[in-house]
């Protein structure tokens, strides 16, 4: 097993190697020391036969630094991993990809604002907003959502490139879908109009209009971003959130979560705000 203590010992051995064998300067060795310490503090480190080091939590922590500084830290960590492998340790490094982050990011919507909008939304808009917020769906995935995809606890989502994933559904959300189906029966898709699947543009217009009623400008993608942010701020692992969002790489998830100074990277999913809605109403 790779205990935390053994990694600290390996770090010290690595630094001595840099000094005595490679002849690195004391300044360079100090920068390597600091980078590896940050990795040990913020990265997700698991031992599943191989040592798995996920750098995404660290990337979030250092995201505000200059790109040159970030690159130097990642380079030091890669060198340390290379050293571990040279010592016959099996190490998998994740989340060290180069990520180009857009200049502007979608801002998450507060839970209170979403609940306020839901109070004034019609049944179709209310269900659409709730599904986006509690499942982190893309608007295209919402449009293609079939009634048969939903079970009592899970929903099978067909994402980009026909890639499928299972997303958990709260019991009260499943009940909400069933109640909507009784009110507006459909042939195949959850959202239909005159027997035809509702288009992405129709759903997008309906959702933005529902928020406009309460003076808010909100897009469906902001609800997806809010879903990810809320989960991470309440203790979800970035690897789990990446899978729930249907990202091909956790590097993409970093873009959604770059705002997160308050992230708590625990190993268990904690409650989404809507998990308490039914309890609070009792």
C-alpha atoms as a PDB file:
ATOM      1  CA  UNK A   1       0.000   0.000   0.000  1.00  0.00           C
ATOM      2  CA  UNK A   2       1.155   3.576  -0.689  1.00  0.00           C
ATOM      3  CA  UNK A   3       0.595   5.399   2.574  1.00  0.00           C
ATOM      4  CA  UNK A   4       0.826   9.177   2.807  1.00  0.00           C
ATOM      5  CA  UNK A   5       3.962   8.729   4.896  1.00  0.00           C
ATOM      6  CA  UNK A   6       5.604   6.602   2.192  1.00  0.00           C
ATOM      7  CA  UNK A   7       4.970   9.341  -0.376  1.00  0.00           C
ATOM      8  CA  UNK A   8       6.573  11.918   1.903  1.00  0.00           C
ATOM      9  CA  UNK A   9       9.585   9.630   2.251  1.00  0.00           C
ATOM     10  CA  UNK A  10       9.694   9.187  -1.524  1.00  0.00           C
ATOM     11  CA  UNK A  11       9.565  12.973  -1.924  1.00  0.00           C
ATOM     12  CA  UNK A  12      12.589  13.406   0.354  1.00  0.00           C
ATOM     13  CA  UNK A  13      14.488  10.719  -1.559  1.00  0.00           C
ATOM     14  CA  UNK A  14      13.584  12.406  -4.845  1.00  0.00           C
ATOM     15  CA  UNK A  15      14.828  15.804  -3.654  1.00  0.00           C
ATOM     16  CA  UNK A  16      18.117  14.263  -2.527  1.00  0.00           C
ATOM     17  CA  UNK A  17      18.413  12.639  -5.943  1.00  0.00           C
ATOM     18  CA  UNK A  18      17.929  16.039  -7.613  1.00  0.00           C
ATOM     19  CA  UNK A  19      20.591  17.579  -5.410  1.00  0.00           C
ATOM     20  CA  UNK A  20      23.247  14.844  -5.388  1.00  0.00           C
ATOM     21  CA  UNK A  21      22.803  13.142  -8.744  1.00  0.00           C
ATOM     22  CA  UNK A  22      21.286  15.803 -10.971  1.00  0.00           C
ATOM     23  CA  UNK A  23      23.039  18.762  -9.356  1.00  0.00           C
ATOM     24  CA  UNK A  24      19.978  21.007  -9.205  1.00  0.00           C
ATOM     25  CA  UNK A  25      20.258  24.366  -7.456  1.00  0.00           C
ATOM     26  CA  UNK A  26      18.777  24.912  -4.001  1.00  0.00           C
ATOM     27  CA  UNK A  27      16.231  27.308  -5.529  1.00  0.00           C
ATOM     28  CA  UNK A  28      15.028  24.690  -8.027  1.00  0.00           C
ATOM     29  CA  UNK A  29      14.884  22.011  -5.343  1.00  0.00           C
ATOM     30  CA  UNK A  30      12.776  24.324  -3.153  1.00  0.00           C
ATOM     31  CA  UNK A  31      10.325  24.896  -6.026  1.00  0.00           C
ATOM     32  CA  UNK A  32      10.069  21.113  -6.556  1.00  0.00           C
ATOM     33  CA  UNK A  33       9.565  20.625  -2.807  1.00  0.00           C
ATOM     34  CA  UNK A  34       6.711  23.154  -2.730  1.00  0.00           C
ATOM     35  CA  UNK A  35       5.009  21.760  -5.858  1.00  0.00           C
ATOM     36  CA  UNK A  36       5.050  18.180  -4.545  1.00  0.00           C
ATOM     37  CA  UNK A  37       3.807  19.306  -1.127  1.00  0.00           C
ATOM     38  CA  UNK A  38       0.858  21.031  -2.821  1.00  0.00           C
ATOM     39  CA  UNK A  39       0.180  17.854  -4.763  1.00  0.00           C
ATOM     40  CA  UNK A  40       0.168  15.783  -1.582  1.00  0.00           C
ATOM     41  CA  UNK A  41      -2.200  18.273   0.072  1.00  0.00           C
ATOM     42  CA  UNK A  42      -4.717  18.903  -2.699  1.00  0.00           C
ATOM     43  CA  UNK A  43      -4.601  16.042  -5.235  1.00  0.00           C
ATOM     44  CA  UNK A  44      -6.861  13.006  -4.915  1.00  0.00           C
ATOM     45  CA  UNK A  45      -4.562  10.077  -4.232  1.00  0.00           C
ATOM     46  CA  UNK A  46      -5.895   6.512  -4.273  1.00  0.00           C
ATOM     47  CA  UNK A  47      -4.271   3.121  -4.089  1.00  0.00           C
ATOM     48  CA  UNK A  48      -6.143   0.598  -6.213  1.00  0.00           C
ATOM     49  CA  UNK A  49      -3.261  -1.769  -6.897  1.00  0.00           C
ATOM     50  CA  UNK A  50      -1.649   1.074  -8.790  1.00  0.00           C
ATOM     51  CA  UNK A  51      -1.142   4.500  -7.260  1.00  0.00           C
ATOM     52  CA  UNK A  52      -3.652   6.872  -8.877  1.00  0.00           C
ATOM     53  CA  UNK A  53      -2.931  10.596  -8.572  1.00  0.00           C
ATOM     54  CA  UNK A  54      -5.707  12.898  -9.816  1.00  0.00           C
ATOM     55  CA  UNK A  55      -4.380  16.452 -10.137  1.00  0.00           C
ATOM     56  CA  UNK A  56      -7.705  18.165 -10.891  1.00  0.00           C
ATOM     57  CA  UNK A  57      -8.349  19.355  -7.295  1.00  0.00           C
ATOM     58  CA  UNK A  58      -4.825  20.806  -7.288  1.00  0.00           C
ATOM     59  CA  UNK A  59      -5.461  22.418 -10.683  1.00  0.00           C
ATOM     60  CA  UNK A  60      -8.532  24.124  -9.211  1.00  0.00           C
ATOM     61  CA  UNK A  61      -6.505  25.348  -6.240  1.00  0.00           C
ATOM     62  CA  UNK A  62      -3.784  26.925  -8.405  1.00  0.00           C
ATOM     63  CA  UNK A  63      -6.037  28.039 -11.292  1.00  0.00           C
ATOM     64  CA  UNK A  64      -5.632  31.750 -10.457  1.00  0.00           C
ATOM     65  CA  UNK A  65      -1.825  31.613 -10.816  1.00  0.00           C
ATOM     66  CA  UNK A  66       0.045  32.604 -13.969  1.00  0.00           C
ATOM     67  CA  UNK A  67       0.142  29.945 -16.658  1.00  0.00           C
ATOM     68  CA  UNK A  68       3.943  29.801 -16.483  1.00  0.00           C
ATOM     69  CA  UNK A  69       3.798  29.095 -12.727  1.00  0.00           C
ATOM     70  CA  UNK A  70       1.178  26.376 -13.205  1.00  0.00           C
ATOM     71  CA  UNK A  71       3.269  24.771 -15.957  1.00  0.00           C
ATOM     72  CA  UNK A  72       6.346  24.752 -13.691  1.00  0.00           C
ATOM     73  CA  UNK A  73       4.424  23.073 -10.853  1.00  0.00           C
ATOM     74  CA  UNK A  74       2.999  20.412 -13.178  1.00  0.00           C
ATOM     75  CA  UNK A  75       6.442  19.789 -14.644  1.00  0.00           C
ATOM     76  CA  UNK A  76       7.896  19.214 -11.158  1.00  0.00           C
ATOM     77  CA  UNK A  77       5.086  16.769 -10.340  1.00  0.00           C
ATOM     78  CA  UNK A  78       5.602  14.866 -13.600  1.00  0.00           C
ATOM     79  CA  UNK A  79       9.301  14.553 -12.750  1.00  0.00           C
ATOM     80  CA  UNK A  80       8.404  13.173  -9.326  1.00  0.00           C
ATOM     81  CA  UNK A  81       6.023  10.633 -10.894  1.00  0.00           C
ATOM     82  CA  UNK A  82       8.739   9.621 -13.359  1.00  0.00           C
ATOM     83  CA  UNK A  83      11.086   9.088 -10.394  1.00  0.00           C
ATOM     84  CA  UNK A  84       8.476   6.938  -8.588  1.00  0.00           C
ATOM     85  CA  UNK A  85       8.118   4.781 -11.696  1.00  0.00           C
ATOM     86  CA  UNK A  86      11.897   4.394 -11.856  1.00  0.00           C
ATOM     87  CA  UNK A  87      11.650   2.948  -8.335  1.00  0.00           C
ATOM     88  CA  UNK A  88       9.361   0.190  -9.646  1.00  0.00           C
ATOM     89  CA  UNK A  89       6.161   1.867  -8.429  1.00  0.00           C
ATOM     90  CA  UNK A  90       3.082   1.708 -10.656  1.00  0.00           C
ATOM     91  CA  UNK A  91       1.691   5.237 -10.900  1.00  0.00           C
ATOM     92  CA  UNK A  92      -1.188   6.614 -12.996  1.00  0.00           C
ATOM     93  CA  UNK A  93      -1.244  10.396 -13.288  1.00  0.00           C
ATOM     94  CA  UNK A  94      -4.588  11.983 -14.157  1.00  0.00           C
ATOM     95  CA  UNK A  95      -5.615  15.561 -14.832  1.00  0.00           C
ATOM     96  CA  UNK A  96      -2.232  16.840 -16.014  1.00  0.00           C
ATOM     97  CA  UNK A  97      -3.516  17.668 -19.500  1.00  0.00           C
ATOM     98  CA  UNK A  98      -3.129  21.142 -20.882  1.00  0.00           C
ATOM     99  CA  UNK A  99      -6.492  22.881 -20.643  1.00  0.00           C
ATOM    100  CA  UNK A 100      -7.441  26.054 -22.476  1.00  0.00           C
ATOM    101  CA  UNK A 101      -9.999  27.766 -20.253  1.00  0.00           C
ATOM    102  CA  UNK A 102     -12.394  30.221 -21.929  1.00  0.00           C
ATOM    103  CA  UNK A 103     -12.190  33.846 -20.843  1.00  0.00           C
ATOM    104  CA  UNK A 104     -15.786  33.852 -19.666  1.00  0.00           C
ATOM    105  CA  UNK A 105     -17.469  31.114 -17.677  1.00  0.00           C
ATOM    106  CA  UNK A 106     -21.185  30.525 -17.112  1.00  0.00           C
ATOM    107  CA  UNK A 107     -22.118  31.765 -13.663  1.00  0.00           C
ATOM    108  CA  UNK A 108     -23.983  29.325 -11.422  1.00  0.00           C
ATOM    109  CA  UNK A 109     -27.483  30.315 -10.307  1.00  0.00           C
ATOM    110  CA  UNK A 110     -28.298  30.399  -6.612  1.00  0.00           C
ATOM    111  CA  UNK A 111     -30.543  27.652  -5.282  1.00  0.00           C
ATOM    112  CA  UNK A 112     -32.949  30.284  -3.947  1.00  0.00           C
ATOM    113  CA  UNK A 113     -33.341  31.907  -7.378  1.00  0.00           C
ATOM    114  CA  UNK A 114     -34.093  28.563  -9.008  1.00  0.00           C
ATOM    115  CA  UNK A 115     -36.721  27.691  -6.376  1.00  0.00           C
ATOM    116  CA  UNK A 116     -38.274  31.132  -6.815  1.00  0.00           C
ATOM    117  CA  UNK A 117     -38.568  30.638 -10.590  1.00  0.00           C
ATOM    118  CA  UNK A 118     -40.068  27.169 -10.137  1.00  0.00           C
ATOM    119  CA  UNK A 119     -42.907  28.636  -8.061  1.00  0.00           C
ATOM    120  CA  UNK A 120     -44.145  30.634 -11.078  1.00  0.00           C
ATOM    121  CA  UNK A 121     -43.324  28.184 -13.888  1.00  0.00           C
ATOM    122  CA  UNK A 122     -45.949  26.176 -15.771  1.00  0.00           C
ATOM    123  CA  UNK A 123     -45.813  22.358 -15.384  1.00  0.00           C
ATOM    124  CA  UNK A 124     -43.665  21.722 -18.478  1.00  0.00           C
ATOM    125  CA  UNK A 125     -41.130  24.453 -17.681  1.00  0.00           C
ATOM    126  CA  UNK A 126     -41.046  23.417 -14.026  1.00  0.00           C
ATOM    127  CA  UNK A 127     -40.176  19.829 -14.926  1.00  0.00           C
ATOM    128  CA  UNK A 128     -37.597  20.870 -17.536  1.00  0.00           C
ATOM    129  CA  UNK A 129     -35.796  23.204 -15.125  1.00  0.00           C
ATOM    130  CA  UNK A 130     -35.880  20.621 -12.341  1.00  0.00           C
ATOM    131  CA  UNK A 131     -34.404  17.886 -14.548  1.00  0.00           C
ATOM    132  CA  UNK A 132     -31.595  20.142 -15.749  1.00  0.00           C
ATOM    133  CA  UNK A 133     -30.813  21.252 -12.209  1.00  0.00           C
ATOM    134  CA  UNK A 134     -30.922  17.835 -10.541  1.00  0.00           C
ATOM    135  CA  UNK A 135     -29.303  15.811 -13.339  1.00  0.00           C
ATOM    136  CA  UNK A 136     -26.879  18.218 -15.028  1.00  0.00           C
ATOM    137  CA  UNK A 137     -28.212  17.486 -18.513  1.00  0.00           C
ATOM    138  CA  UNK A 138     -27.303  19.201 -21.749  1.00  0.00           C
ATOM    139  CA  UNK A 139     -30.306  20.772 -23.499  1.00  0.00           C
ATOM    140  CA  UNK A 140     -29.887  18.228 -26.326  1.00  0.00           C
ATOM    141  CA  UNK A 141     -30.059  15.382 -23.793  1.00  0.00           C
ATOM    142  CA  UNK A 142     -33.210  16.848 -22.259  1.00  0.00           C
ATOM    143  CA  UNK A 143     -34.835  17.070 -25.688  1.00  0.00           C
ATOM    144  CA  UNK A 144     -34.046  13.400 -26.434  1.00  0.00           C
ATOM    145  CA  UNK A 145     -35.034  12.112 -22.978  1.00  0.00           C
ATOM    146  CA  UNK A 146     -37.435   9.175 -23.363  1.00  0.00           C
ATOM    147  CA  UNK A 147     -39.978   8.044 -20.795  1.00  0.00           C
ATOM    148  CA  UNK A 148     -38.531   4.528 -21.056  1.00  0.00           C
ATOM    149  CA  UNK A 149     -35.083   5.844 -20.030  1.00  0.00           C
ATOM    150  CA  UNK A 150     -36.334   6.585 -16.498  1.00  0.00           C
ATOM    151  CA  UNK A 151     -36.510   4.030 -13.676  1.00  0.00           C
ATOM    152  CA  UNK A 152     -37.223   4.506  -9.977  1.00  0.00           C
ATOM    153  CA  UNK A 153     -33.665   5.559  -9.123  1.00  0.00           C
ATOM    154  CA  UNK A 154     -31.728   6.038 -12.357  1.00  0.00           C
ATOM    155  CA  UNK A 155     -32.022   7.562 -15.784  1.00  0.00           C
ATOM    156  CA  UNK A 156     -30.127   6.366 -18.869  1.00  0.00           C
ATOM    157  CA  UNK A 157     -28.790   9.408 -20.729  1.00  0.00           C
ATOM    158  CA  UNK A 158     -27.567   9.312 -24.311  1.00  0.00           C
ATOM    159  CA  UNK A 159     -24.878  11.964 -24.539  1.00  0.00           C
ATOM    160  CA  UNK A 160     -22.418  13.189 -27.134  1.00  0.00           C
ATOM    161  CA  UNK A 161     -21.282  10.611 -29.662  1.00  0.00           C
ATOM    162  CA  UNK A 162     -24.069   8.248 -28.576  1.00  0.00           C
ATOM    163  CA  UNK A 163     -22.139   7.671 -25.332  1.00  0.00           C
ATOM    164  CA  UNK A 164     -24.500   6.498 -22.588  1.00  0.00           C
ATOM    165  CA  UNK A 165     -24.317   7.140 -18.857  1.00  0.00           C
ATOM    166  CA  UNK A 166     -26.565   6.490 -15.861  1.00  0.00           C
ATOM    167  CA  UNK A 167     -27.528   9.474 -13.727  1.00  0.00           C
ATOM    168  CA  UNK A 168     -29.253   9.075 -10.334  1.00  0.00           C
ATOM    169  CA  UNK A 169     -32.747  10.502  -9.906  1.00  0.00           C
ATOM    170  CA  UNK A 170     -34.282  11.576  -6.620  1.00  0.00           C
ATOM    171  CA  UNK A 171     -37.492   9.778  -5.718  1.00  0.00           C
ATOM    172  CA  UNK A 172     -39.516  12.977  -5.658  1.00  0.00           C
ATOM    173  CA  UNK A 173     -38.209  13.903  -9.130  1.00  0.00           C
ATOM    174  CA  UNK A 174     -39.318  10.530 -10.540  1.00  0.00           C
ATOM    175  CA  UNK A 175     -42.742  11.164  -8.985  1.00  0.00           C
ATOM    176  CA  UNK A 176     -42.758  14.599 -10.586  1.00  0.00           C
ATOM    177  CA  UNK A 177     -42.133  13.048 -14.028  1.00  0.00           C
ATOM    178  CA  UNK A 178     -44.923  10.530 -13.473  1.00  0.00           C
ATOM    179  CA  UNK A 179     -47.342  13.267 -12.418  1.00  0.00           C
ATOM    180  CA  UNK A 180     -46.443  15.278 -15.529  1.00  0.00           C
ATOM    181  CA  UNK A 181     -47.030  12.205 -17.720  1.00  0.00           C
ATOM    182  CA  UNK A 182     -50.518  11.828 -16.264  1.00  0.00           C
ATOM    183  CA  UNK A 183     -51.160  15.477 -17.003  1.00  0.00           C
ATOM    184  CA  UNK A 184     -49.541  15.470 -20.456  1.00  0.00           C
ATOM    185  CA  UNK A 185     -49.315  11.894 -21.800  1.00  0.00           C
ATOM    186  CA  UNK A 186     -46.655  11.352 -24.455  1.00  0.00           C
ATOM    187  CA  UNK A 187     -45.862   8.648 -27.013  1.00  0.00           C
ATOM    188  CA  UNK A 188     -42.127   8.324 -26.468  1.00  0.00           C
ATOM    189  CA  UNK A 189     -40.324  11.436 -25.234  1.00  0.00           C
ATOM    190  CA  UNK A 190     -40.830  13.169 -21.896  1.00  0.00           C
ATOM    191  CA  UNK A 191     -41.364  16.499 -23.642  1.00  0.00           C
ATOM    192  CA  UNK A 192     -43.659  16.381 -26.662  1.00  0.00           C
ATOM    193  CA  UNK A 193     -46.029  18.714 -28.437  1.00  0.00           C
ATOM    194  CA  UNK A 194     -48.809  17.293 -30.586  1.00  0.00           C
ATOM    195  CA  UNK A 195     -47.123  13.893 -30.581  1.00  0.00           C
ATOM    196  CA  UNK A 196     -43.727  15.210 -31.686  1.00  0.00           C
ATOM    197  CA  UNK A 197     -40.514  15.568 -29.685  1.00  0.00           C
ATOM    198  CA  UNK A 198     -40.038  19.119 -28.430  1.00  0.00           C
ATOM    199  CA  UNK A 199     -37.000  20.715 -30.073  1.00  0.00           C
ATOM    200  CA  UNK A 200     -33.952  22.040 -28.228  1.00  0.00           C
ATOM    201  CA  UNK A 201     -34.838  25.606 -29.231  1.00  0.00           C
ATOM    202  CA  UNK A 202     -38.400  25.225 -27.940  1.00  0.00           C
ATOM    203  CA  UNK A 203     -37.147  23.922 -24.596  1.00  0.00           C
ATOM    204  CA  UNK A 204     -34.498  26.643 -24.396  1.00  0.00           C
ATOM    205  CA  UNK A 205     -37.058  29.372 -25.071  1.00  0.00           C
ATOM    206  CA  UNK A 206     -39.480  27.925 -22.525  1.00  0.00           C
ATOM    207  CA  UNK A 207     -36.798  27.783 -19.796  1.00  0.00           C
ATOM    208  CA  UNK A 208     -35.447  31.290 -20.391  1.00  0.00           C
ATOM    209  CA  UNK A 209     -39.013  32.625 -20.445  1.00  0.00           C
ATOM    210  CA  UNK A 210     -39.762  30.970 -17.074  1.00  0.00           C
ATOM    211  CA  UNK A 211     -36.797  32.723 -15.459  1.00  0.00           C
ATOM    212  CA  UNK A 212     -37.643  35.999 -17.192  1.00  0.00           C
ATOM    213  CA  UNK A 213     -40.980  35.956 -15.303  1.00  0.00           C
ATOM    214  CA  UNK A 214     -39.044  36.549 -12.066  1.00  0.00           C
ATOM    215  CA  UNK A 215     -36.587  38.994 -13.611  1.00  0.00           C
ATOM    216  CA  UNK A 216     -33.696  36.579 -14.182  1.00  0.00           C
ATOM    217  CA  UNK A 217     -31.676  35.870 -17.319  1.00  0.00           C
ATOM    218  CA  UNK A 218     -30.760  32.170 -17.145  1.00  0.00           C
ATOM    219  CA  UNK A 219     -29.722  29.681 -19.814  1.00  0.00           C
ATOM    220  CA  UNK A 220     -30.092  25.868 -19.689  1.00  0.00           C
ATOM    221  CA  UNK A 221     -26.280  25.542 -19.662  1.00  0.00           C
ATOM    222  CA  UNK A 222     -26.123  27.654 -16.498  1.00  0.00           C
ATOM    223  CA  UNK A 223     -28.351  25.076 -14.786  1.00  0.00           C
ATOM    224  CA  UNK A 224     -25.926  22.313 -15.839  1.00  0.00           C
ATOM    225  CA  UNK A 225     -23.030  24.380 -14.508  1.00  0.00           C
ATOM    226  CA  UNK A 226     -24.922  25.003 -11.263  1.00  0.00           C
ATOM    227  CA  UNK A 227     -25.509  21.258 -10.852  1.00  0.00           C
ATOM    228  CA  UNK A 228     -21.764  20.590 -11.090  1.00  0.00           C
ATOM    229  CA  UNK A 229     -20.836  23.490  -8.807  1.00  0.00           C
ATOM    230  CA  UNK A 230     -23.329  22.506  -6.111  1.00  0.00           C
ATOM    231  CA  UNK A 231     -22.146  18.891  -6.071  1.00  0.00           C
ATOM    232  CA  UNK A 232     -18.481  19.872  -5.823  1.00  0.00           C
ATOM    233  CA  UNK A 233     -19.109  22.507  -3.162  1.00  0.00           C
ATOM    234  CA  UNK A 234     -20.903  19.861  -1.096  1.00  0.00           C
ATOM    235  CA  UNK A 235     -18.138  17.274  -1.228  1.00  0.00           C
ATOM    236  CA  UNK A 236     -18.465  15.289  -4.459  1.00  0.00           C
ATOM    237  CA  UNK A 237     -15.282  13.949  -6.042  1.00  0.00           C
ATOM    238  CA  UNK A 238     -14.435  15.651  -9.306  1.00  0.00           C
ATOM    239  CA  UNK A 239     -14.103  12.195 -10.925  1.00  0.00           C
ATOM    240  CA  UNK A 240     -17.712  11.403  -9.983  1.00  0.00           C
ATOM    241  CA  UNK A 241     -19.010  14.750 -11.241  1.00  0.00           C
ATOM    242  CA  UNK A 242     -17.098  14.313 -14.496  1.00  0.00           C
ATOM    243  CA  UNK A 243     -18.813  10.957 -15.029  1.00  0.00           C
ATOM    244  CA  UNK A 244     -22.239  12.347 -14.139  1.00  0.00           C
ATOM    245  CA  UNK A 245     -21.800  15.184 -16.636  1.00  0.00           C
ATOM    246  CA  UNK A 246     -20.702  12.777 -19.353  1.00  0.00           C
ATOM    247  CA  UNK A 247     -17.321  14.408 -19.912  1.00  0.00           C
ATOM    248  CA  UNK A 248     -14.757  12.449 -21.896  1.00  0.00           C
ATOM    249  CA  UNK A 249     -11.993  13.960 -19.763  1.00  0.00           C
ATOM    250  CA  UNK A 250     -11.864  15.449 -16.276  1.00  0.00           C
ATOM    251  CA  UNK A 251      -9.945  18.308 -17.868  1.00  0.00           C
ATOM    252  CA  UNK A 252     -13.299  19.481 -19.264  1.00  0.00           C
ATOM    253  CA  UNK A 253     -14.872  19.338 -15.801  1.00  0.00           C
ATOM    254  CA  UNK A 254     -12.240  21.772 -14.575  1.00  0.00           C
ATOM    255  CA  UNK A 255     -13.694  24.416 -16.881  1.00  0.00           C
ATOM    256  CA  UNK A 256     -17.107  24.039 -15.222  1.00  0.00           C
ATOM    257  CA  UNK A 257     -15.646  24.223 -11.725  1.00  0.00           C
ATOM    258  CA  UNK A 258     -12.961  26.891 -12.017  1.00  0.00           C
ATOM    259  CA  UNK A 259     -14.966  29.155  -9.695  1.00  0.00           C
ATOM    260  CA  UNK A 260     -14.614  26.748  -6.790  1.00  0.00           C
ATOM    261  CA  UNK A 261     -12.526  28.185  -3.979  1.00  0.00           C
ATOM    262  CA  UNK A 262     -14.887  26.449  -1.540  1.00  0.00           C
ATOM    263  CA  UNK A 263     -14.429  22.941  -2.943  1.00  0.00           C
ATOM    264  CA  UNK A 264     -14.171  20.150  -0.409  1.00  0.00           C
ATOM    265  CA  UNK A 265     -12.792  17.083  -2.068  1.00  0.00           C
ATOM    266  CA  UNK A 266     -14.193  14.192   0.014  1.00  0.00           C
ATOM    267  CA  UNK A 267     -14.745  10.619  -1.154  1.00  0.00           C
ATOM    268  CA  UNK A 268     -18.497  10.574  -0.718  1.00  0.00           C
ATOM    269  CA  UNK A 269     -21.242  12.371  -2.526  1.00  0.00           C
ATOM    270  CA  UNK A 270     -23.061  14.712  -0.183  1.00  0.00           C
ATOM    271  CA  UNK A 271     -26.492  16.216  -0.512  1.00  0.00           C
ATOM    272  CA  UNK A 272     -27.639  18.319  -3.435  1.00  0.00           C
ATOM    273  CA  UNK A 273     -29.827  21.215  -2.171  1.00  0.00           C
ATOM    274  CA  UNK A 274     -32.987  19.761  -3.760  1.00  0.00           C
ATOM    275  CA  UNK A 275     -32.489  16.513  -1.801  1.00  0.00           C
ATOM    276  CA  UNK A 276     -33.980  18.315   1.198  1.00  0.00           C
ATOM    277  CA  UNK A 277     -37.011  19.795  -0.511  1.00  0.00           C
ATOM    278  CA  UNK A 278     -39.397  16.994   0.407  1.00  0.00           C
ATOM    279  CA  UNK A 279     -38.087  16.906   3.995  1.00  0.00           C
ATOM    280  CA  UNK A 280     -38.415  20.666   4.417  1.00  0.00           C
ATOM    281  CA  UNK A 281     -42.013  20.562   3.241  1.00  0.00           C
ATOM    282  CA  UNK A 282     -43.050  17.986   5.806  1.00  0.00           C
END
